[in-house]
Every structure is written in C-alpha cells, then in structure tokens.
Amino acid sequence: MADTRTINREDNIFATLASKGKPIKALMGQNFSGISEVIKTICSYTDDFRGLAQLNIRNQSQGWSINMLLRIDTKPQPQLQTEPEPPHDGLQYRFAF
C-alpha cells in the first residue's frame, strides 16, 4: 500500500527529533514542500549529533503523524579548494618555464 501522506505549503507541521528518549531538536512551521524537506531542515540543526534518532512529524492541518528512525552521520564536507586551472588559448595550455 502506498503512503498517501502529503505536506502542502500552508500545513502546520510539528517535528521532533529525539535520541534515547531525549529531545535533540523540535521545530514547527509552515512552507515545507514535503517530508524530505522537513527531514533536511531538522537534521541541519543537529550540530554535532551522530547516531540513531527517532523523528516524529505531525501534520496538524491534515491530522496525521509519522514516526521514523534516522541514522545521522557526518555532515557534508565543504568542497575542497582546487588549484586554479592554468591559462589556455583555445585547446592549448600555456605553462610558464
């Protein structure tokens, strides 16, 4: 059976992230486009937490809630700074000797 839970931008959403029964972060608001955006938003506030957490999302406007387990791992690393590409003319590179 397909999950028919949807989130509309005007829905009142409450989300709580907890680990071992202790709250890590809670948020409430509107203007979420879907469940994945709620997950992304609440996980962005987890600071240095790593491990398993339980997420409860409640859509007050539509009258449903969902619980799920999340494995929160490392944060995305900033992109590495690469050396600038040497100047080139058309298809040929120019290297200084």
PDB file of N, CA and C in Angstrom:
ATOM      1  N   MET A   1       0.844  -1.179   0.000  1.00  0.00           N
ATOM      2  CA  MET A   1       0.000   0.000   0.000  1.00  0.00           C
ATOM      3  C   MET A   1       0.883   1.234   0.000  1.00  0.00           C
ATOM      4  N   ALA A   2       0.606   2.177  -0.844  1.00  0.00           N
ATOM      5  CA  ALA A   2       1.398   3.400  -0.958  1.00  0.00           C
ATOM      6  C   ALA A   2       1.067   4.358   0.177  1.00  0.00           C
ATOM      7  N   ASP A   3       2.073   5.091   0.604  1.00  0.00           N
ATOM      8  CA  ASP A   3       1.896   6.084   1.653  1.00  0.00           C
ATOM      9  C   ASP A   3       1.309   7.344   1.016  1.00  0.00           C
ATOM     10  N   THR A   4       0.143   7.775   1.492  1.00  0.00           N
ATOM     11  CA  THR A   4      -0.536   8.923   0.888  1.00  0.00           C
ATOM     12  C   THR A   4      -0.344  10.198   1.700  1.00  0.00           C
ATOM     13  N   ARG A   5       0.565  10.193   2.655  1.00  0.00           N
ATOM     14  CA  ARG A   5       0.791  11.391   3.458  1.00  0.00           C
ATOM     15  C   ARG A   5       1.478  12.455   2.606  1.00  0.00           C
ATOM     16  N   THR A   6       0.884  13.619   2.570  1.00  0.00           N
ATOM     17  CA  THR A   6       1.457  14.722   1.812  1.00  0.00           C
ATOM     18  C   THR A   6       1.561  15.941   2.721  1.00  0.00           C
ATOM     19  N   ILE A   7       2.394  16.866   2.301  1.00  0.00           N
ATOM     20  CA  ILE A   7       2.530  18.138   3.008  1.00  0.00           C
ATOM     21  C   ILE A   7       2.341  19.244   1.990  1.00  0.00           C
ATOM     22  N   ASN A   8       1.420  20.135   2.304  1.00  0.00           N
ATOM     23  CA  ASN A   8       1.205  21.327   1.485  1.00  0.00           C
ATOM     24  C   ASN A   8       1.873  22.507   2.181  1.00  0.00           C
ATOM     25  N   ARG A   9       2.246  23.503   1.431  1.00  0.00           N
ATOM     26  CA  ARG A   9       2.984  24.647   1.977  1.00  0.00           C
ATOM     27  C   ARG A   9       2.241  25.363   3.105  1.00  0.00           C
ATOM     28  N   GLU A  10       0.920  25.318   3.120  1.00  0.00           N
ATOM     29  CA  GLU A  10       0.172  26.020   4.168  1.00  0.00           C
ATOM     30  C   GLU A  10      -0.130  25.134   5.383  1.00  0.00           C
ATOM     31  N   ASP A  11       0.293  23.876   5.385  1.00  0.00           N
ATOM     32  CA  ASP A  11       0.051  22.967   6.513  1.00  0.00           C
ATOM     33  C   ASP A  11       0.907  23.344   7.720  1.00  0.00           C
ATOM     34  N   ASN A  12       0.326  23.167   8.923  1.00  0.00           N
ATOM     35  CA  ASN A  12       1.064  23.364  10.168  1.00  0.00           C
ATOM     36  C   ASN A  12       1.802  22.072  10.497  1.00  0.00           C
ATOM     37  N   ILE A  13       3.130  22.139  10.509  1.00  0.00           N
ATOM     38  CA  ILE A  13       3.969  20.960  10.719  1.00  0.00           C
ATOM     39  C   ILE A  13       4.698  21.081  12.046  1.00  0.00           C
ATOM     40  N   PHE A  14       4.685  19.987  12.812  1.00  0.00           N
ATOM     41  CA  PHE A  14       5.451  19.875  14.044  1.00  0.00           C
ATOM     42  C   PHE A  14       6.377  18.682  13.882  1.00  0.00           C
ATOM     43  N   ALA A  15       7.647  18.858  14.163  1.00  0.00           N
ATOM     44  CA  ALA A  15       8.614  17.760  14.031  1.00  0.00           C
ATOM     45  C   ALA A  15       9.497  17.728  15.269  1.00  0.00           C
ATOM     46  N   THR A  16       9.761  16.521  15.765  1.00  0.00           N
ATOM     47  CA  THR A  16      10.626  16.338  16.928  1.00  0.00           C
ATOM     48  C   THR A  16      11.627  15.245  16.620  1.00  0.00           C
ATOM     49  N   LEU A  17      12.890  15.539  16.869  1.00  0.00           N
ATOM     50  CA  LEU A  17      13.968  14.571  16.699  1.00  0.00           C
ATOM     51  C   LEU A  17      14.495  14.235  18.084  1.00  0.00           C
ATOM     52  N   ALA A  18      14.543  12.948  18.415  1.00  0.00           N
ATOM     53  CA  ALA A  18      14.975  12.529  19.749  1.00  0.00           C
ATOM     54  C   ALA A  18      15.900  11.329  19.647  1.00  0.00           C
ATOM     55  N   SER A  19      16.766  11.186  20.644  1.00  0.00           N
ATOM     56  CA  SER A  19      17.643  10.024  20.741  1.00  0.00           C
ATOM     57  C   SER A  19      17.624   9.527  22.177  1.00  0.00           C
ATOM     58  N   LYS A  20      17.386   8.240  22.337  1.00  0.00           N
ATOM     59  CA  LYS A  20      17.298   7.618  23.660  1.00  0.00           C
ATOM     60  C   LYS A  20      16.284   8.329  24.548  1.00  0.00           C
ATOM     61  N   GLY A  21      15.202   8.791  23.933  1.00  0.00           N
ATOM     62  CA  GLY A  21      14.130   9.442  24.665  1.00  0.00           C
ATOM     63  C   GLY A  21      14.365  10.904  24.992  1.00  0.00           C
ATOM     64  N   LYS A  22      15.529  11.433  24.643  1.00  0.00           N
ATOM     65  CA  LYS A  22      15.831  12.833  24.937  1.00  0.00           C
ATOM     66  C   LYS A  22      15.726  13.658  23.658  1.00  0.00           C
ATOM     67  N   PRO A  23      14.995  14.774  23.720  1.00  0.00           N
ATOM     68  CA  PRO A  23      14.848  15.608  22.518  1.00  0.00           C
ATOM     69  C   PRO A  23      16.184  16.200  22.088  1.00  0.00           C
ATOM     70  N   ILE A  24      16.420  16.170  20.798  1.00  0.00           N
ATOM     71  CA  ILE A  24      17.604  16.801  20.207  1.00  0.00           C
ATOM     72  C   ILE A  24      17.194  18.142  19.622  1.00  0.00           C
ATOM     73  N   LYS A  25      16.084  18.131  18.878  1.00  0.00           N
ATOM     74  CA  LYS A  25      15.607  19.345  18.228  1.00  0.00           C
ATOM     75  C   LYS A  25      14.122  19.193  17.946  1.00  0.00           C
ATOM     76  N   ALA A  26      13.406  20.301  18.063  1.00  0.00           N
ATOM     77  CA  ALA A  26      11.992  20.341  17.693  1.00  0.00           C
ATOM     78  C   ALA A  26      11.782  21.571  16.823  1.00  0.00           C
ATOM     79  N   LEU A  27      10.888  21.452  15.882  1.00  0.00           N
ATOM     80  CA  LEU A  27      10.556  22.612  15.065  1.00  0.00           C
ATOM     81  C   LEU A  27       9.087  22.583  14.721  1.00  0.00           C
ATOM     82  N   MET A  28       8.566  23.753  14.444  1.00  0.00           N
ATOM     83  CA  MET A  28       7.197  23.869  13.963  1.00  0.00           C
ATOM     84  C   MET A  28       7.163  24.985  12.935  1.00  0.00           C
ATOM     85  N   GLY A  29       6.296  24.842  11.974  1.00  0.00           N
ATOM     86  CA  GLY A  29       6.215  25.874  10.962  1.00  0.00           C
ATOM     87  C   GLY A  29       5.382  25.455   9.776  1.00  0.00           C
ATOM     88  N   GLN A  30       5.417  26.311   8.782  1.00  0.00           N
ATOM     89  CA  GLN A  30       4.723  26.076   7.524  1.00  0.00           C
ATOM     90  C   GLN A  30       5.729  26.242   6.399  1.00  0.00           C
ATOM     91  N   ASN A  31       5.241  26.153   5.199  1.00  0.00           N
ATOM     92  CA  ASN A  31       6.042  26.389   3.999  1.00  0.00           C
ATOM     93  C   ASN A  31       7.026  25.262   3.694  1.00  0.00           C
ATOM     94  N   PHE A  32       6.718  24.052   4.133  1.00  0.00           N
ATOM     95  CA  PHE A  32       7.506  22.878   3.753  1.00  0.00           C
ATOM     96  C   PHE A  32       6.872  22.260   2.519  1.00  0.00           C
ATOM     97  N   SER A  33       7.709  21.818   1.588  1.00  0.00           N
ATOM     98  CA  SER A  33       7.181  21.254   0.347  1.00  0.00           C
ATOM     99  C   SER A  33       6.929  19.755   0.444  1.00  0.00           C
ATOM    100  N   GLY A  34       7.485  19.106   1.463  1.00  0.00           N
ATOM    101  CA  GLY A  34       7.293  17.669   1.608  1.00  0.00           C
ATOM    102  C   GLY A  34       8.033  17.139   2.817  1.00  0.00           C
ATOM    103  N   ILE A  35       7.881  15.844   3.060  1.00  0.00           N
ATOM    104  CA  ILE A  35       8.518  15.197   4.203  1.00  0.00           C
ATOM    105  C   ILE A  35      10.036  15.309   4.105  1.00  0.00           C
ATOM    106  N   SER A  36      10.584  15.163   2.910  1.00  0.00           N
ATOM    107  CA  SER A  36      12.044  15.227   2.765  1.00  0.00           C
ATOM    108  C   SER A  36      12.584  16.599   3.158  1.00  0.00           C
ATOM    109  N   GLU A  37      11.831  17.659   2.900  1.00  0.00           N
ATOM    110  CA  GLU A  37      12.287  18.997   3.295  1.00  0.00           C
ATOM    111  C   GLU A  37      12.252  19.162   4.820  1.00  0.00           C
ATOM    112  N   VAL A  38      11.268  18.562   5.485  1.00  0.00           N
ATOM    113  CA  VAL A  38      11.212  18.599   6.951  1.00  0.00           C
ATOM    114  C   VAL A  38      12.424  17.865   7.523  1.00  0.00           C
ATOM    115  N   ILE A  39      12.727  16.693   6.975  1.00  0.00           N
ATOM    116  CA  ILE A  39      13.880  15.914   7.439  1.00  0.00           C
ATOM    117  C   ILE A  39      15.172  16.700   7.236  1.00  0.00           C
ATOM    118  N   LYS A  40      15.340  17.258   6.066  1.00  0.00           N
ATOM    119  CA  LYS A  40      16.553  18.032   5.753  1.00  0.00           C
ATOM    120  C   LYS A  40      16.691  19.225   6.701  1.00  0.00           C
ATOM    121  N   THR A  41      15.594  19.918   6.967  1.00  0.00           N
ATOM    122  CA  THR A  41      15.635  21.096   7.825  1.00  0.00           C
ATOM    123  C   THR A  41      15.981  20.736   9.258  1.00  0.00           C
ATOM    124  N   ILE A  42      15.314  19.732   9.822  1.00  0.00           N
ATOM    125  CA  ILE A  42      15.569  19.404  11.231  1.00  0.00           C
ATOM    126  C   ILE A  42      16.966  18.813  11.409  1.00  0.00           C
ATOM    127  N   CYS A  43      17.441  18.063  10.428  1.00  0.00           N
ATOM    128  CA  CYS A  43      18.791  17.499  10.529  1.00  0.00           C
ATOM    129  C   CYS A  43      19.867  18.572  10.395  1.00  0.00           C
ATOM    130  N   SER A  44      19.548  19.679   9.758  1.00  0.00           N
ATOM    131  CA  SER A  44      20.531  20.751   9.628  1.00  0.00           C
ATOM    132  C   SER A  44      20.792  21.445  10.962  1.00  0.00           C
ATOM    133  N   TYR A  45      19.933  21.219  11.954  1.00  0.00           N
ATOM    134  CA  TYR A  45      20.094  21.828  13.272  1.00  0.00           C
ATOM    135  C   TYR A  45      20.662  20.867  14.314  1.00  0.00           C
ATOM    136  N   THR A  46      21.171  19.733  13.898  1.00  0.00           N
ATOM    137  CA  THR A  46      21.605  18.729  14.879  1.00  0.00           C
ATOM    138  C   THR A  46      23.004  18.951  15.418  1.00  0.00           C
ATOM    139  N   ASP A  47      23.684  19.990  14.976  1.00  0.00           N
ATOM    140  CA  ASP A  47      25.036  20.314  15.447  1.00  0.00           C
ATOM    141  C   ASP A  47      25.960  19.111  15.280  1.00  0.00           C
ATOM    142  N   ASP A  48      26.506  18.610  16.375  1.00  0.00           N
ATOM    143  CA  ASP A  48      27.492  17.537  16.292  1.00  0.00           C
ATOM    144  C   ASP A  48      26.912  16.167  16.622  1.00  0.00           C
ATOM    145  N   PHE A  49      25.588  16.014  16.635  1.00  0.00           N
ATOM    146  CA  PHE A  49      24.996  14.722  16.969  1.00  0.00           C
ATOM    147  C   PHE A  49      25.275  13.704  15.872  1.00  0.00           C
ATOM    148  N   ARG A  50      25.661  12.508  16.274  1.00  0.00           N
ATOM    149  CA  ARG A  50      25.851  11.377  15.358  1.00  0.00           C
ATOM    150  C   ARG A  50      25.197  10.159  15.988  1.00  0.00           C
ATOM    151  N   GLY A  51      24.461   9.395  15.208  1.00  0.00           N
ATOM    152  CA  GLY A  51      23.852   8.176  15.719  1.00  0.00           C
ATOM    153  C   GLY A  51      22.431   8.014  15.236  1.00  0.00           C
ATOM    154  N   LEU A  52      21.702   7.115  15.928  1.00  0.00           N
ATOM    155  CA  LEU A  52      20.311   6.849  15.581  1.00  0.00           C
ATOM    156  C   LEU A  52      19.401   7.805  16.330  1.00  0.00           C
ATOM    157  N   ALA A  53      18.403   8.278  15.643  1.00  0.00           N
ATOM    158  CA  ALA A  53      17.432   9.184  16.253  1.00  0.00           C
ATOM    159  C   ALA A  53      16.047   8.852  15.722  1.00  0.00           C
ATOM    160  N   GLN A  54      15.050   9.133  16.545  1.00  0.00           N
ATOM    161  CA  GLN A  54      13.667   8.927  16.134  1.00  0.00           C
ATOM    162  C   GLN A  54      13.074  10.277  15.751  1.00  0.00           C
ATOM    163  N   LEU A  55      12.460  10.324  14.580  1.00  0.00           N
ATOM    164  CA  LEU A  55      11.833  11.545  14.094  1.00  0.00           C
ATOM    165  C   LEU A  55      10.333  11.347  14.062  1.00  0.00           C
ATOM    166  N   ASN A  56       9.610  12.291  14.678  1.00  0.00           N
ATOM    167  CA  ASN A  56       8.155  12.303  14.607  1.00  0.00           C
ATOM    168  C   ASN A  56       7.752  13.559  13.858  1.00  0.00           C
ATOM    169  N   ILE A  57       7.003  13.391  12.780  1.00  0.00           N
ATOM    170  CA  ILE A  57       6.475  14.514  12.017  1.00  0.00           C
ATOM    171  C   ILE A  57       4.955  14.469  12.145  1.00  0.00           C
ATOM    172  N   ARG A  58       4.371  15.572  12.571  1.00  0.00           N
ATOM    173  CA  ARG A  58       2.920  15.672  12.713  1.00  0.00           C
ATOM    174  C   ARG A  58       2.401  16.789  11.824  1.00  0.00           C
ATOM    175  N   ASN A  59       1.431  16.457  10.998  1.00  0.00           N
ATOM    176  CA  ASN A  59       0.766  17.439  10.151  1.00  0.00           C
ATOM    177  C   ASN A  59      -0.565  17.754  10.820  1.00  0.00           C
ATOM    178  N   GLN A  60      -0.583  18.855  11.558  1.00  0.00           N
ATOM    179  CA  GLN A  60      -1.783  19.234  12.298  1.00  0.00           C
ATOM    180  C   GLN A  60      -2.935  19.555  11.349  1.00  0.00           C
ATOM    181  N   SER A  61      -2.646  20.153  10.233  1.00  0.00           N
ATOM    182  CA  SER A  61      -3.693  20.569   9.295  1.00  0.00           C
ATOM    183  C   SER A  61      -4.445  19.383   8.700  1.00  0.00           C
ATOM    184  N   GLN A  62      -3.739  18.302   8.416  1.00  0.00           N
ATOM    185  CA  GLN A  62      -4.379  17.139   7.791  1.00  0.00           C
ATOM    186  C   GLN A  62      -4.676  16.025   8.795  1.00  0.00           C
ATOM    187  N   GLY A  63      -4.134  16.138  10.014  1.00  0.00           N
ATOM    188  CA  GLY A  63      -4.469  15.183  11.062  1.00  0.00           C
ATOM    189  C   GLY A  63      -3.712  13.863  11.002  1.00  0.00           C
ATOM    190  N   TRP A  64      -2.476  13.857  10.545  1.00  0.00           N
ATOM    191  CA  TRP A  64      -1.698  12.620  10.529  1.00  0.00           C
ATOM    192  C   TRP A  64      -0.333  12.864  11.147  1.00  0.00           C
ATOM    193  N   SER A  65       0.300  11.763  11.540  1.00  0.00           N
ATOM    194  CA  SER A  65       1.685  11.836  12.017  1.00  0.00           C
ATOM    195  C   SER A  65       2.418  10.594  11.545  1.00  0.00           C
ATOM    196  N   ILE A  66       3.728  10.701  11.516  1.00  0.00           N
ATOM    197  CA  ILE A  66       4.566   9.580  11.084  1.00  0.00           C
ATOM    198  C   ILE A  66       5.813   9.556  11.960  1.00  0.00           C
ATOM    199  N   ASN A  67       6.241   8.347  12.307  1.00  0.00           N
ATOM    200  CA  ASN A  67       7.477   8.147  13.060  1.00  0.00           C
ATOM    201  C   ASN A  67       8.458   7.396  12.184  1.00  0.00           C
ATOM    202  N   MET A  68       9.731   7.776  12.289  1.00  0.00           N
ATOM    203  CA  MET A  68      10.752   7.061  11.528  1.00  0.00           C
ATOM    204  C   MET A  68      12.075   7.128  12.263  1.00  0.00           C
ATOM    205  N   LEU A  69      12.914   6.160  12.013  1.00  0.00           N
ATOM    206  CA  LEU A  69      14.267   6.169  12.552  1.00  0.00           C
ATOM    207  C   LEU A  69      15.208   6.746  11.512  1.00  0.00           C
ATOM    208  N   LEU A  70      16.119   7.588  11.979  1.00  0.00           N
ATOM    209  CA  LEU A  70      17.109   8.171  11.086  1.00  0.00           C
ATOM    210  C   LEU A  70      18.490   7.863  11.615  1.00  0.00           C
ATOM    211  N   ARG A  71      19.393   7.569  10.721  1.00  0.00           N
ATOM    212  CA  ARG A  71      20.808   7.445  11.067  1.00  0.00           C
ATOM    213  C   ARG A  71      21.480   8.741  10.639  1.00  0.00           C
ATOM    214  N   ILE A  72      21.909   9.500  11.619  1.00  0.00           N
ATOM    215  CA  ILE A  72      22.553  10.777  11.323  1.00  0.00           C
ATOM    216  C   ILE A  72      24.049  10.556  11.413  1.00  0.00           C
ATOM    217  N   ASP A  73      24.708  10.803  10.306  1.00  0.00           N
ATOM    218  CA  ASP A  73      26.141  10.537  10.200  1.00  0.00           C
ATOM    219  C   ASP A  73      26.869  11.855  10.030  1.00  0.00           C
ATOM    220  N   THR A  74      27.919  11.842   9.294  1.00  0.00           N
ATOM    221  CA  THR A  74      28.738  13.041   9.147  1.00  0.00           C
ATOM    222  C   THR A  74      28.027  14.108   8.348  1.00  0.00           C
ATOM    223  N   LYS A  75      28.394  15.337   8.640  1.00  0.00           N
ATOM    224  CA  LYS A  75      27.880  16.478   7.886  1.00  0.00           C
ATOM    225  C   LYS A  75      28.574  16.510   6.526  1.00  0.00           C
ATOM    226  N   PRO A  76      27.933  17.076   5.519  1.00  0.00           N
ATOM    227  CA  PRO A  76      28.612  17.232   4.235  1.00  0.00           C
ATOM    228  C   PRO A  76      29.856  18.096   4.416  1.00  0.00           C
ATOM    229  N   GLN A  77      30.925  17.649   3.838  1.00  0.00           N
ATOM    230  CA  GLN A  77      32.186  18.386   3.936  1.00  0.00           C
ATOM    231  C   GLN A  77      32.191  19.524   2.943  1.00  0.00           C
ATOM    232  N   PRO A  78      32.804  20.647   3.327  1.00  0.00           N
ATOM    233  CA  PRO A  78      32.903  21.728   2.351  1.00  0.00           C
ATOM    234  C   PRO A  78      33.726  21.278   1.155  1.00  0.00           C
ATOM    235  N   GLN A  79      33.432  21.847   0.012  1.00  0.00           N
ATOM    236  CA  GLN A  79      34.164  21.463  -1.185  1.00  0.00           C
ATOM    237  C   GLN A  79      35.618  21.877  -1.050  1.00  0.00           C
ATOM    238  N   LEU A  80      36.485  20.992  -1.515  1.00  0.00           N
ATOM    239  CA  LEU A  80      37.911  21.263  -1.446  1.00  0.00           C
ATOM    240  C   LEU A  80      38.293  22.384  -2.394  1.00  0.00           C
ATOM    241  N   GLN A  81      39.234  23.181  -1.947  1.00  0.00           N
ATOM    242  CA  GLN A  81      39.752  24.231  -2.815  1.00  0.00           C
ATOM    243  C   GLN A  81      40.748  23.599  -3.776  1.00  0.00           C
ATOM    244  N   THR A  82      40.544  23.795  -5.029  1.00  0.00           N
ATOM    245  CA  THR A  82      41.455  23.245  -6.024  1.00  0.00           C
ATOM    246  C   THR A  82      42.322  24.360  -6.575  1.00  0.00           C
ATOM    247  N   GLU A  83      43.460  23.966  -7.084  1.00  0.00           N
ATOM    248  CA  GLU A  83      44.336  24.961  -7.681  1.00  0.00           C
ATOM    249  C   GLU A  83      43.702  25.477  -8.964  1.00  0.00           C
ATOM    250  N   PRO A  84      43.896  26.751  -9.239  1.00  0.00           N
ATOM    251  CA  PRO A  84      43.284  27.287 -10.452  1.00  0.00           C
ATOM    252  C   PRO A  84      43.868  26.629 -11.695  1.00  0.00           C
ATOM    253  N   GLU A  85      43.025  26.507 -12.677  1.00  0.00           N
ATOM    254  CA  GLU A  85      43.449  25.915 -13.945  1.00  0.00           C
ATOM    255  C   GLU A  85      44.412  26.872 -14.642  1.00  0.00           C
ATOM    256  N   PRO A  86      45.493  26.331 -15.232  1.00  0.00           N
ATOM    257  CA  PRO A  86      46.429  27.224 -15.923  1.00  0.00           C
ATOM    258  C   PRO A  86      45.742  27.890 -17.109  1.00  0.00           C
ATOM    259  N   PRO A  87      46.202  29.078 -17.473  1.00  0.00           N
ATOM    260  CA  PRO A  87      45.575  29.760 -18.609  1.00  0.00           C
ATOM    261  C   PRO A  87      45.770  28.964 -19.902  1.00  0.00           C
ATOM    262  N   HIS A  88      44.802  29.073 -20.779  1.00  0.00           N
ATOM    263  CA  HIS A  88      44.928  28.354 -22.056  1.00  0.00           C
ATOM    264  C   HIS A  88      44.350  29.189 -23.176  1.00  0.00           C
ATOM    265  N   ASP A  89      44.868  28.943 -24.354  1.00  0.00           N
ATOM    266  CA  ASP A  89      44.394  29.597 -25.565  1.00  0.00           C
ATOM    267  C   ASP A  89      43.714  28.536 -26.413  1.00  0.00           C
ATOM    268  N   GLY A  90      42.403  28.601 -26.507  1.00  0.00           N
ATOM    269  CA  GLY A  90      41.688  27.600 -27.302  1.00  0.00           C
ATOM    270  C   GLY A  90      41.855  26.225 -26.689  1.00  0.00           C
ATOM    271  N   LEU A  91      42.530  25.325 -27.384  1.00  0.00           N
ATOM    272  CA  LEU A  91      42.735  23.972 -26.891  1.00  0.00           C
ATOM    273  C   LEU A  91      44.127  23.742 -26.345  1.00  0.00           C
ATOM    274  N   GLN A  92      44.965  24.730 -26.350  1.00  0.00           N
ATOM    275  CA  GLN A  92      46.354  24.564 -25.942  1.00  0.00           C
ATOM    276  C   GLN A  92      46.601  25.317 -24.634  1.00  0.00           C
ATOM    277  N   TYR A  93      47.217  24.622 -23.677  1.00  0.00           N
ATOM    278  CA  TYR A  93      47.559  25.247 -22.404  1.00  0.00           C
ATOM    279  C   TYR A  93      48.890  25.952 -22.508  1.00  0.00           C
ATOM    280  N   ARG A  94      49.038  27.049 -21.772  1.00  0.00           N
ATOM    281  CA  ARG A  94      50.319  27.771 -21.712  1.00  0.00           C
ATOM    282  C   ARG A  94      50.905  27.583 -20.326  1.00  0.00           C
ATOM    283  N   PHE A  95      52.106  27.015 -20.240  1.00  0.00           N
ATOM    284  CA  PHE A  95      52.791  26.827 -18.982  1.00  0.00           C
ATOM    285  C   PHE A  95      54.053  27.717 -18.970  1.00  0.00           C
ATOM    286  N   ALA A  96      54.278  28.382 -17.863  1.00  0.00           N
ATOM    287  CA  ALA A  96      55.482  29.203 -17.740  1.00  0.00           C
ATOM    288  C   ALA A  96      56.643  28.309 -17.303  1.00  0.00           C
ATOM    289  N   PHE A  97      57.816  28.465 -17.942  1.00  0.00           N
ATOM    290  CA  PHE A  97      59.009  27.687 -17.567  1.00  0.00           C
ATOM    291  C   PHE A  97      60.044  28.587 -16.968  1.00  0.00           C
TER     292      PHE A  97
END
